[in-house]
N, C-alpha and C. Protein backbone atom coordinates (compact mmCIF):
# COMPACT_ATOMS: atom_id res chain seq x y z
N MET A 1 -19.55 31.61 -18.54
CA MET A 1 -19.68 31.46 -17.11
C MET A 1 -18.43 31.97 -16.38
N GLN A 2 -17.27 31.72 -16.95
CA GLN A 2 -16.03 32.14 -16.30
C GLN A 2 -15.94 33.65 -16.17
N GLU A 3 -16.41 34.35 -17.16
CA GLU A 3 -16.25 35.81 -17.13
C GLU A 3 -17.09 36.47 -16.04
N LYS A 4 -18.08 35.79 -15.51
CA LYS A 4 -18.88 36.35 -14.41
C LYS A 4 -18.11 36.35 -13.09
N GLY A 5 -17.14 35.44 -12.94
CA GLY A 5 -16.34 35.41 -11.73
C GLY A 5 -16.96 34.66 -10.57
N TYR A 6 -18.03 33.93 -10.81
CA TYR A 6 -18.66 33.15 -9.73
C TYR A 6 -17.87 31.87 -9.48
N ALA A 7 -17.82 31.46 -8.23
CA ALA A 7 -17.13 30.23 -7.88
C ALA A 7 -18.00 29.00 -8.19
N TYR A 8 -19.32 29.19 -8.14
CA TYR A 8 -20.22 28.04 -8.30
C TYR A 8 -21.52 28.49 -8.97
N TRP A 9 -21.99 27.67 -9.89
CA TRP A 9 -23.28 27.90 -10.54
C TRP A 9 -24.22 26.76 -10.16
N ALA A 10 -25.31 27.09 -9.51
CA ALA A 10 -26.34 26.11 -9.16
C ALA A 10 -27.42 26.20 -10.25
N LEU A 11 -27.53 25.15 -11.04
CA LEU A 11 -28.45 25.14 -12.17
C LEU A 11 -29.67 24.29 -11.82
N GLY A 12 -30.79 24.59 -12.44
CA GLY A 12 -32.01 23.86 -12.13
C GLY A 12 -32.75 23.37 -13.36
N HIS A 13 -33.84 22.75 -13.10
CA HIS A 13 -34.81 22.23 -14.06
C HIS A 13 -34.47 20.84 -14.58
N VAL A 14 -33.22 20.49 -14.74
CA VAL A 14 -32.85 19.15 -15.21
C VAL A 14 -32.91 18.20 -14.02
N HIS A 15 -33.60 17.07 -14.19
CA HIS A 15 -33.86 16.16 -13.07
C HIS A 15 -32.74 15.17 -12.81
N LYS A 16 -31.72 15.15 -13.63
CA LYS A 16 -30.60 14.24 -13.44
C LYS A 16 -29.39 15.02 -12.95
N ARG A 17 -28.80 14.56 -11.85
CA ARG A 17 -27.63 15.24 -11.29
C ARG A 17 -26.48 15.11 -12.28
N GLN A 18 -25.87 16.25 -12.61
CA GLN A 18 -24.75 16.23 -13.54
C GLN A 18 -23.92 17.49 -13.44
N ARG A 19 -22.64 17.29 -13.55
CA ARG A 19 -21.70 18.41 -13.56
C ARG A 19 -21.64 18.96 -14.98
N VAL A 20 -21.74 20.28 -15.10
CA VAL A 20 -21.70 20.93 -16.41
C VAL A 20 -20.28 21.39 -16.73
N THR A 21 -19.64 22.06 -15.77
CA THR A 21 -18.25 22.48 -15.95
C THR A 21 -17.52 22.36 -14.61
N ALA A 22 -16.19 22.25 -14.71
CA ALA A 22 -15.36 22.17 -13.51
C ALA A 22 -14.78 23.53 -13.13
N ASP A 23 -14.65 24.42 -14.10
CA ASP A 23 -14.07 25.73 -13.83
C ASP A 23 -14.82 26.80 -14.60
N PRO A 24 -15.73 27.46 -13.95
CA PRO A 24 -16.16 27.31 -12.56
C PRO A 24 -17.04 26.08 -12.39
N GLU A 25 -17.15 25.62 -11.14
CA GLU A 25 -18.05 24.49 -10.85
C GLU A 25 -19.47 24.89 -11.21
N ALA A 26 -20.13 24.05 -11.99
CA ALA A 26 -21.53 24.28 -12.35
C ALA A 26 -22.22 22.92 -12.37
N TRP A 27 -23.31 22.82 -11.63
CA TRP A 27 -24.02 21.55 -11.49
C TRP A 27 -25.52 21.73 -11.65
N TYR A 28 -26.14 20.72 -12.24
CA TYR A 28 -27.56 20.48 -12.06
C TYR A 28 -27.61 19.50 -10.91
N SER A 29 -28.28 19.86 -9.85
CA SER A 29 -28.30 18.97 -8.69
C SER A 29 -29.30 17.84 -8.84
N GLY A 30 -30.13 17.90 -9.86
CA GLY A 30 -31.15 16.86 -10.04
C GLY A 30 -32.36 17.17 -9.19
N ASN A 31 -33.27 16.22 -9.11
CA ASN A 31 -34.44 16.43 -8.26
C ASN A 31 -34.31 15.63 -6.97
N ILE A 32 -35.01 16.06 -5.96
CA ILE A 32 -34.86 15.45 -4.64
C ILE A 32 -35.66 14.17 -4.48
N GLN A 33 -36.58 13.90 -5.42
CA GLN A 33 -37.38 12.68 -5.38
C GLN A 33 -37.73 12.29 -6.80
N GLY A 34 -37.44 11.05 -7.19
CA GLY A 34 -37.86 10.57 -8.50
C GLY A 34 -39.38 10.65 -8.59
N ARG A 35 -39.87 11.24 -9.68
CA ARG A 35 -41.31 11.44 -9.82
C ARG A 35 -42.03 10.29 -10.48
N ASN A 36 -41.29 9.45 -11.22
CA ASN A 36 -41.92 8.34 -11.92
C ASN A 36 -40.84 7.30 -12.24
N SER A 37 -41.24 6.24 -12.92
CA SER A 37 -40.32 5.13 -13.18
C SER A 37 -39.17 5.49 -14.11
N ALA A 38 -39.26 6.61 -14.79
CA ALA A 38 -38.16 7.04 -15.65
C ALA A 38 -37.04 7.70 -14.84
N GLU A 39 -37.32 8.07 -13.61
CA GLU A 39 -36.34 8.75 -12.75
C GLU A 39 -35.84 7.79 -11.69
N THR A 40 -35.04 6.82 -12.13
CA THR A 40 -34.53 5.77 -11.25
C THR A 40 -33.30 6.25 -10.49
N GLY A 41 -32.95 5.48 -9.48
CA GLY A 41 -31.71 5.73 -8.75
C GLY A 41 -31.89 6.67 -7.57
N VAL A 42 -30.79 6.86 -6.88
CA VAL A 42 -30.76 7.70 -5.69
C VAL A 42 -30.99 9.15 -6.10
N ARG A 43 -31.84 9.84 -5.37
CA ARG A 43 -32.16 11.25 -5.64
C ARG A 43 -31.89 12.07 -4.39
N GLY A 44 -31.60 13.34 -4.60
CA GLY A 44 -31.32 14.20 -3.46
C GLY A 44 -30.83 15.56 -3.92
N GLY A 45 -29.84 16.08 -3.24
CA GLY A 45 -29.30 17.39 -3.57
C GLY A 45 -27.82 17.46 -3.30
N LEU A 46 -27.24 18.59 -3.60
CA LEU A 46 -25.81 18.79 -3.39
C LEU A 46 -25.58 19.76 -2.23
N LEU A 47 -24.70 19.37 -1.33
CA LEU A 47 -24.22 20.27 -0.30
C LEU A 47 -22.97 20.91 -0.89
N VAL A 48 -22.98 22.23 -1.01
CA VAL A 48 -21.88 22.96 -1.64
C VAL A 48 -21.19 23.82 -0.58
N VAL A 49 -19.89 23.66 -0.46
CA VAL A 49 -19.10 24.47 0.47
C VAL A 49 -18.05 25.20 -0.37
N ILE A 50 -18.00 26.52 -0.20
CA ILE A 50 -17.02 27.35 -0.91
C ILE A 50 -16.15 28.03 0.15
N ASP A 51 -14.86 27.78 0.11
CA ASP A 51 -13.99 28.40 1.11
C ASP A 51 -13.60 29.83 0.70
N GLU A 52 -12.84 30.51 1.57
CA GLU A 52 -12.48 31.90 1.33
C GLU A 52 -11.69 32.09 0.04
N GLY A 53 -10.97 31.07 -0.37
CA GLY A 53 -10.17 31.15 -1.59
C GLY A 53 -10.96 30.82 -2.85
N GLY A 54 -12.24 30.51 -2.69
CA GLY A 54 -13.07 30.19 -3.83
C GLY A 54 -13.05 28.72 -4.23
N TYR A 55 -12.38 27.88 -3.42
CA TYR A 55 -12.38 26.45 -3.70
C TYR A 55 -13.76 25.89 -3.39
N VAL A 56 -14.30 25.13 -4.34
CA VAL A 56 -15.65 24.59 -4.21
C VAL A 56 -15.59 23.09 -3.95
N GLU A 57 -16.34 22.67 -2.95
CA GLU A 57 -16.47 21.25 -2.66
C GLU A 57 -17.95 20.90 -2.69
N THR A 58 -18.30 19.87 -3.47
CA THR A 58 -19.70 19.44 -3.54
C THR A 58 -19.81 18.03 -2.99
N GLU A 59 -20.91 17.79 -2.29
CA GLU A 59 -21.17 16.46 -1.73
C GLU A 59 -22.65 16.13 -1.94
N PHE A 60 -22.92 14.99 -2.54
CA PHE A 60 -24.29 14.58 -2.76
C PHE A 60 -24.91 14.10 -1.45
N ARG A 61 -26.16 14.49 -1.22
CA ARG A 61 -26.93 14.04 -0.06
C ARG A 61 -28.25 13.47 -0.55
N SER A 62 -28.55 12.25 -0.15
CA SER A 62 -29.81 11.62 -0.54
C SER A 62 -30.94 12.14 0.34
N PHE A 63 -32.02 12.56 -0.30
CA PHE A 63 -33.19 13.04 0.43
C PHE A 63 -34.43 12.20 0.16
N ALA A 64 -34.43 11.48 -0.93
CA ALA A 64 -35.64 10.81 -1.40
C ALA A 64 -36.04 9.65 -0.49
N PRO A 65 -37.24 9.68 0.05
CA PRO A 65 -37.69 8.56 0.86
C PRO A 65 -38.06 7.34 0.01
N ILE A 66 -38.41 7.58 -1.25
CA ILE A 66 -38.78 6.49 -2.16
C ILE A 66 -37.81 6.50 -3.33
N GLN A 67 -37.31 5.32 -3.68
CA GLN A 67 -36.39 5.21 -4.80
C GLN A 67 -36.99 4.30 -5.87
N TRP A 68 -36.93 4.77 -7.11
CA TRP A 68 -37.40 3.99 -8.25
C TRP A 68 -36.28 3.11 -8.77
N VAL A 69 -36.61 1.85 -9.09
CA VAL A 69 -35.66 0.90 -9.65
C VAL A 69 -36.35 0.20 -10.81
N GLU A 70 -35.62 -0.02 -11.90
CA GLU A 70 -36.18 -0.77 -13.03
C GLU A 70 -35.38 -2.04 -13.26
N ILE A 71 -36.10 -3.14 -13.43
CA ILE A 71 -35.50 -4.43 -13.75
C ILE A 71 -36.14 -4.93 -15.03
N VAL A 72 -35.32 -5.35 -15.97
CA VAL A 72 -35.81 -5.90 -17.23
C VAL A 72 -35.35 -7.35 -17.32
N LEU A 73 -36.30 -8.25 -17.45
CA LEU A 73 -35.98 -9.66 -17.69
C LEU A 73 -36.34 -9.95 -19.13
N ASP A 74 -35.34 -10.06 -19.98
CA ASP A 74 -35.60 -10.29 -21.40
C ASP A 74 -35.39 -11.76 -21.78
N ASP A 75 -35.25 -12.60 -20.77
CA ASP A 75 -35.03 -14.02 -21.03
C ASP A 75 -36.04 -14.90 -20.29
N VAL A 76 -37.27 -14.41 -20.13
CA VAL A 76 -38.26 -15.17 -19.35
C VAL A 76 -38.56 -16.53 -19.96
N GLN A 77 -38.39 -16.68 -21.27
CA GLN A 77 -38.64 -17.98 -21.90
C GLN A 77 -37.65 -19.03 -21.40
N GLU A 78 -36.52 -18.60 -20.85
CA GLU A 78 -35.52 -19.53 -20.33
C GLU A 78 -35.69 -19.79 -18.83
N LEU A 79 -36.54 -19.02 -18.18
CA LEU A 79 -36.80 -19.20 -16.74
C LEU A 79 -38.06 -20.05 -16.63
N HIS A 80 -37.91 -21.33 -16.44
CA HIS A 80 -38.96 -22.31 -16.68
C HIS A 80 -40.05 -22.38 -15.61
N THR A 81 -39.89 -21.66 -14.50
CA THR A 81 -40.94 -21.66 -13.47
C THR A 81 -41.16 -20.24 -12.98
N VAL A 82 -42.35 -20.02 -12.43
CA VAL A 82 -42.65 -18.72 -11.83
C VAL A 82 -41.69 -18.44 -10.69
N GLU A 83 -41.35 -19.46 -9.94
CA GLU A 83 -40.39 -19.29 -8.83
C GLU A 83 -39.03 -18.83 -9.35
N ASN A 84 -38.60 -19.35 -10.49
CA ASN A 84 -37.32 -18.91 -11.08
C ASN A 84 -37.40 -17.44 -11.49
N ILE A 85 -38.53 -17.01 -12.01
CA ILE A 85 -38.71 -15.60 -12.36
C ILE A 85 -38.64 -14.75 -11.10
N ARG A 86 -39.36 -15.18 -10.06
CA ARG A 86 -39.35 -14.43 -8.79
C ARG A 86 -37.93 -14.34 -8.23
N ARG A 87 -37.21 -15.44 -8.22
CA ARG A 87 -35.84 -15.45 -7.70
C ARG A 87 -34.94 -14.51 -8.50
N ARG A 88 -35.10 -14.53 -9.80
CA ARG A 88 -34.29 -13.67 -10.66
C ARG A 88 -34.58 -12.20 -10.39
N ILE A 89 -35.86 -11.86 -10.19
CA ILE A 89 -36.22 -10.47 -9.87
C ILE A 89 -35.62 -10.06 -8.54
N VAL A 90 -35.72 -10.93 -7.54
CA VAL A 90 -35.15 -10.64 -6.23
C VAL A 90 -33.64 -10.45 -6.34
N ALA A 91 -32.96 -11.32 -7.08
CA ALA A 91 -31.50 -11.22 -7.24
C ALA A 91 -31.13 -9.93 -7.97
N ASP A 92 -31.82 -9.63 -9.06
CA ASP A 92 -31.53 -8.41 -9.80
C ASP A 92 -31.80 -7.17 -8.96
N PHE A 93 -32.86 -7.21 -8.16
CA PHE A 93 -33.19 -6.09 -7.27
C PHE A 93 -32.05 -5.86 -6.28
N SER A 94 -31.53 -6.93 -5.70
CA SER A 94 -30.43 -6.80 -4.74
C SER A 94 -29.19 -6.22 -5.38
N VAL A 95 -28.88 -6.65 -6.60
CA VAL A 95 -27.71 -6.12 -7.30
C VAL A 95 -27.92 -4.66 -7.65
N ARG A 96 -29.11 -4.30 -8.15
CA ARG A 96 -29.39 -2.93 -8.58
C ARG A 96 -29.38 -1.95 -7.42
N THR A 97 -29.85 -2.37 -6.26
CA THR A 97 -29.96 -1.44 -5.13
C THR A 97 -28.71 -1.43 -4.27
N GLY A 98 -27.95 -2.52 -4.25
CA GLY A 98 -26.70 -2.57 -3.52
C GLY A 98 -26.81 -2.03 -2.11
N GLU A 99 -26.02 -1.00 -1.83
CA GLU A 99 -25.98 -0.39 -0.51
C GLU A 99 -26.95 0.79 -0.36
N ASP A 100 -27.71 1.06 -1.41
CA ASP A 100 -28.64 2.19 -1.35
C ASP A 100 -29.65 2.00 -0.22
N VAL A 101 -30.03 3.09 0.39
CA VAL A 101 -31.02 3.06 1.46
C VAL A 101 -32.19 3.93 1.05
N ALA A 102 -33.39 3.41 1.27
CA ALA A 102 -34.60 4.18 1.01
C ALA A 102 -35.64 3.71 2.01
N GLU A 103 -36.61 4.57 2.28
CA GLU A 103 -37.71 4.17 3.15
C GLU A 103 -38.63 3.19 2.43
N ALA A 104 -38.70 3.33 1.11
CA ALA A 104 -39.52 2.44 0.30
C ALA A 104 -38.96 2.43 -1.11
N TRP A 105 -39.31 1.40 -1.85
CA TRP A 105 -38.83 1.24 -3.22
C TRP A 105 -40.03 1.15 -4.15
N MET A 106 -39.92 1.79 -5.30
CA MET A 106 -40.88 1.57 -6.38
C MET A 106 -40.12 0.78 -7.42
N LEU A 107 -40.50 -0.45 -7.60
CA LEU A 107 -39.79 -1.35 -8.48
C LEU A 107 -40.60 -1.51 -9.77
N ARG A 108 -39.99 -1.17 -10.89
CA ARG A 108 -40.62 -1.35 -12.20
C ARG A 108 -39.98 -2.59 -12.82
N VAL A 109 -40.82 -3.57 -13.10
CA VAL A 109 -40.35 -4.82 -13.67
C VAL A 109 -40.93 -4.96 -15.07
N ARG A 110 -40.05 -5.24 -16.02
CA ARG A 110 -40.51 -5.49 -17.39
C ARG A 110 -40.08 -6.89 -17.77
N LEU A 111 -41.07 -7.73 -18.04
CA LEU A 111 -40.83 -9.09 -18.51
C LEU A 111 -41.01 -9.07 -20.02
N GLU A 112 -40.00 -9.52 -20.74
CA GLU A 112 -40.05 -9.48 -22.20
C GLU A 112 -39.91 -10.88 -22.77
N GLY A 113 -40.65 -11.15 -23.84
CA GLY A 113 -40.59 -12.43 -24.51
C GLY A 113 -41.81 -13.27 -24.20
N ARG A 114 -41.90 -14.40 -24.88
CA ARG A 114 -43.01 -15.32 -24.68
C ARG A 114 -42.55 -16.46 -23.79
N THR A 115 -43.50 -17.02 -23.06
CA THR A 115 -43.19 -18.12 -22.16
C THR A 115 -44.42 -19.00 -21.99
N PRO A 116 -44.21 -20.29 -21.80
CA PRO A 116 -45.35 -21.16 -21.51
C PRO A 116 -45.95 -20.89 -20.12
N LEU A 117 -45.31 -20.02 -19.35
CA LEU A 117 -45.80 -19.68 -18.01
C LEU A 117 -46.87 -18.60 -18.03
N ALA A 118 -47.29 -18.15 -19.22
CA ALA A 118 -48.24 -17.03 -19.31
C ALA A 118 -49.47 -17.25 -18.46
N GLN A 119 -50.01 -18.46 -18.45
CA GLN A 119 -51.22 -18.73 -17.66
C GLN A 119 -50.93 -18.59 -16.16
N ASP A 120 -49.74 -18.99 -15.74
CA ASP A 120 -49.38 -18.88 -14.32
C ASP A 120 -49.13 -17.44 -13.89
N LEU A 121 -48.95 -16.57 -14.86
CA LEU A 121 -48.66 -15.16 -14.57
C LEU A 121 -49.88 -14.28 -14.73
N GLN A 122 -51.06 -14.88 -14.78
CA GLN A 122 -52.31 -14.12 -14.90
C GLN A 122 -52.53 -13.30 -13.64
N PRO A 123 -53.17 -12.13 -13.78
CA PRO A 123 -53.47 -11.34 -12.58
C PRO A 123 -54.39 -12.10 -11.64
N SER A 124 -54.09 -12.00 -10.38
CA SER A 124 -54.95 -12.60 -9.36
C SER A 124 -56.11 -11.64 -9.08
N PRO A 125 -57.33 -12.17 -8.88
CA PRO A 125 -58.45 -11.27 -8.56
C PRO A 125 -58.23 -10.55 -7.23
N LEU A 126 -57.32 -11.06 -6.40
CA LEU A 126 -57.03 -10.42 -5.12
C LEU A 126 -55.99 -9.32 -5.22
N SER A 127 -55.30 -9.25 -6.38
CA SER A 127 -54.26 -8.24 -6.55
C SER A 127 -54.88 -6.91 -6.97
N PRO A 128 -54.59 -5.84 -6.25
CA PRO A 128 -55.08 -4.53 -6.68
C PRO A 128 -54.28 -4.04 -7.89
N LEU A 129 -54.86 -4.20 -9.06
CA LEU A 129 -54.16 -3.80 -10.29
C LEU A 129 -54.78 -2.54 -10.85
N CYS A 130 -53.96 -1.71 -11.44
CA CYS A 130 -54.47 -0.54 -12.14
C CYS A 130 -53.78 -0.47 -13.48
N ALA A 131 -54.55 -0.24 -14.52
CA ALA A 131 -53.97 -0.19 -15.86
C ALA A 131 -53.84 1.25 -16.31
N SER A 132 -52.71 1.56 -16.93
CA SER A 132 -52.53 2.88 -17.54
C SER A 132 -51.55 2.74 -18.67
N ARG A 133 -51.93 3.14 -19.84
CA ARG A 133 -51.08 3.09 -21.02
C ARG A 133 -50.48 1.71 -21.23
N GLY A 134 -51.28 0.68 -21.00
CA GLY A 134 -50.78 -0.67 -21.23
C GLY A 134 -49.87 -1.18 -20.14
N GLU A 135 -49.73 -0.47 -19.05
CA GLU A 135 -48.91 -0.92 -17.95
C GLU A 135 -49.80 -1.34 -16.79
N PHE A 136 -49.39 -2.36 -16.07
CA PHE A 136 -50.10 -2.78 -14.89
C PHE A 136 -49.29 -2.34 -13.67
N CYS A 137 -49.98 -1.86 -12.67
CA CYS A 137 -49.30 -1.48 -11.42
C CYS A 137 -49.73 -2.46 -10.35
N LEU A 138 -48.79 -3.05 -9.68
CA LEU A 138 -49.08 -3.98 -8.60
C LEU A 138 -48.48 -3.40 -7.33
N TRP A 139 -49.30 -3.12 -6.37
CA TRP A 139 -48.82 -2.51 -5.13
C TRP A 139 -48.75 -3.60 -4.07
N CYS A 140 -47.56 -3.95 -3.65
CA CYS A 140 -47.38 -4.99 -2.65
C CYS A 140 -47.22 -4.37 -1.28
N ALA A 141 -47.85 -4.96 -0.32
CA ALA A 141 -47.81 -4.41 1.03
C ALA A 141 -46.54 -4.79 1.78
N ARG A 142 -46.02 -6.00 1.55
CA ARG A 142 -44.90 -6.41 2.38
C ARG A 142 -43.71 -6.98 1.65
N SER A 143 -43.92 -7.77 0.63
CA SER A 143 -42.75 -8.48 0.12
C SER A 143 -42.82 -8.71 -1.37
N ILE A 144 -41.70 -9.01 -1.90
CA ILE A 144 -41.55 -9.25 -3.32
C ILE A 144 -42.12 -10.61 -3.70
N SER A 145 -42.54 -11.41 -2.73
CA SER A 145 -43.05 -12.74 -3.02
C SER A 145 -44.37 -12.70 -3.78
N PHE A 146 -45.09 -11.59 -3.74
CA PHE A 146 -46.34 -11.46 -4.47
C PHE A 146 -46.12 -10.94 -5.89
N LEU A 147 -44.89 -10.89 -6.28
CA LEU A 147 -44.49 -10.12 -7.44
C LEU A 147 -45.03 -10.61 -8.77
N VAL A 148 -44.95 -11.87 -9.07
CA VAL A 148 -45.24 -12.33 -10.42
C VAL A 148 -46.70 -12.75 -10.51
N THR A 149 -47.58 -11.80 -10.74
CA THR A 149 -49.00 -12.11 -10.80
C THR A 149 -49.68 -11.47 -12.00
N CYS A 150 -48.92 -11.13 -13.04
CA CYS A 150 -49.48 -10.42 -14.18
C CYS A 150 -49.36 -11.22 -15.46
N LEU A 151 -50.24 -10.95 -16.39
CA LEU A 151 -50.24 -11.58 -17.70
C LEU A 151 -48.98 -11.22 -18.47
N LEU A 152 -48.40 -12.21 -19.11
CA LEU A 152 -47.19 -11.99 -19.90
C LEU A 152 -47.49 -12.26 -21.37
N SER A 153 -47.29 -11.28 -22.21
CA SER A 153 -47.42 -11.50 -23.65
C SER A 153 -46.04 -11.24 -24.24
N ASP A 154 -45.91 -10.29 -25.17
CA ASP A 154 -44.59 -9.97 -25.70
C ASP A 154 -43.79 -9.11 -24.74
N SER A 155 -44.47 -8.28 -23.99
CA SER A 155 -43.80 -7.41 -23.03
C SER A 155 -44.81 -6.99 -21.98
N LEU A 156 -44.40 -6.94 -20.77
CA LEU A 156 -45.28 -6.57 -19.67
C LEU A 156 -44.50 -5.68 -18.73
N ILE A 157 -45.16 -4.64 -18.28
CA ILE A 157 -44.53 -3.75 -17.30
C ILE A 157 -45.46 -3.66 -16.11
N PHE A 158 -44.93 -3.82 -14.92
CA PHE A 158 -45.73 -3.56 -13.73
C PHE A 158 -44.86 -2.94 -12.66
N HIS A 159 -45.52 -2.26 -11.73
CA HIS A 159 -44.83 -1.57 -10.65
C HIS A 159 -45.17 -2.22 -9.32
N ILE A 160 -44.19 -2.28 -8.45
CA ILE A 160 -44.39 -2.86 -7.13
C ILE A 160 -43.86 -1.90 -6.09
N PHE A 161 -44.64 -1.66 -5.09
CA PHE A 161 -44.22 -0.81 -3.98
C PHE A 161 -43.66 -1.70 -2.90
N LEU A 162 -42.42 -1.48 -2.50
CA LEU A 162 -41.76 -2.30 -1.49
C LEU A 162 -41.33 -1.44 -0.31
N PRO A 163 -42.00 -1.56 0.82
CA PRO A 163 -41.52 -0.82 1.99
C PRO A 163 -40.15 -1.31 2.40
N TYR A 164 -39.33 -0.41 2.89
CA TYR A 164 -37.98 -0.77 3.34
C TYR A 164 -38.06 -1.11 4.81
N PRO A 165 -37.36 -2.07 5.33
CA PRO A 165 -36.49 -3.00 4.62
C PRO A 165 -37.30 -4.17 4.09
N LEU A 166 -36.73 -4.89 3.14
CA LEU A 166 -37.40 -6.06 2.58
C LEU A 166 -37.42 -7.18 3.57
């Protein structure tokens, strides 16, 4: 890359933002919107400014209106009530998202382990659920309070759509 004499290399196809080299600057800017639950975190692009001397400055800019977040609760057997599970998800969500801003959130929650609360976590007939590859998707219209409505066995994954702000 150095022998080409370019000040900056804009690389594509990789969906995770990452710097490849510092001299010359070479970046994968990532994708502007997470496409699924595997592409968590803030997404966007890089604003690149190159001055007359060839100095490169990059600045990340968030473009994604929807941000994917994953929360794993691997201690559900110790959370003795559905309300405790809900509180823990809300707390973990707040920690994971911090100061991030999005128009909406896609929250992937994985509950792992066995619990006597399995009956209380059964899907509600009023919940619009969709199954795919053993995962349940739960689309919430307003709040995380509808969150824990799925069957829990050894492991459960479901998705929740949360309009911003909560």
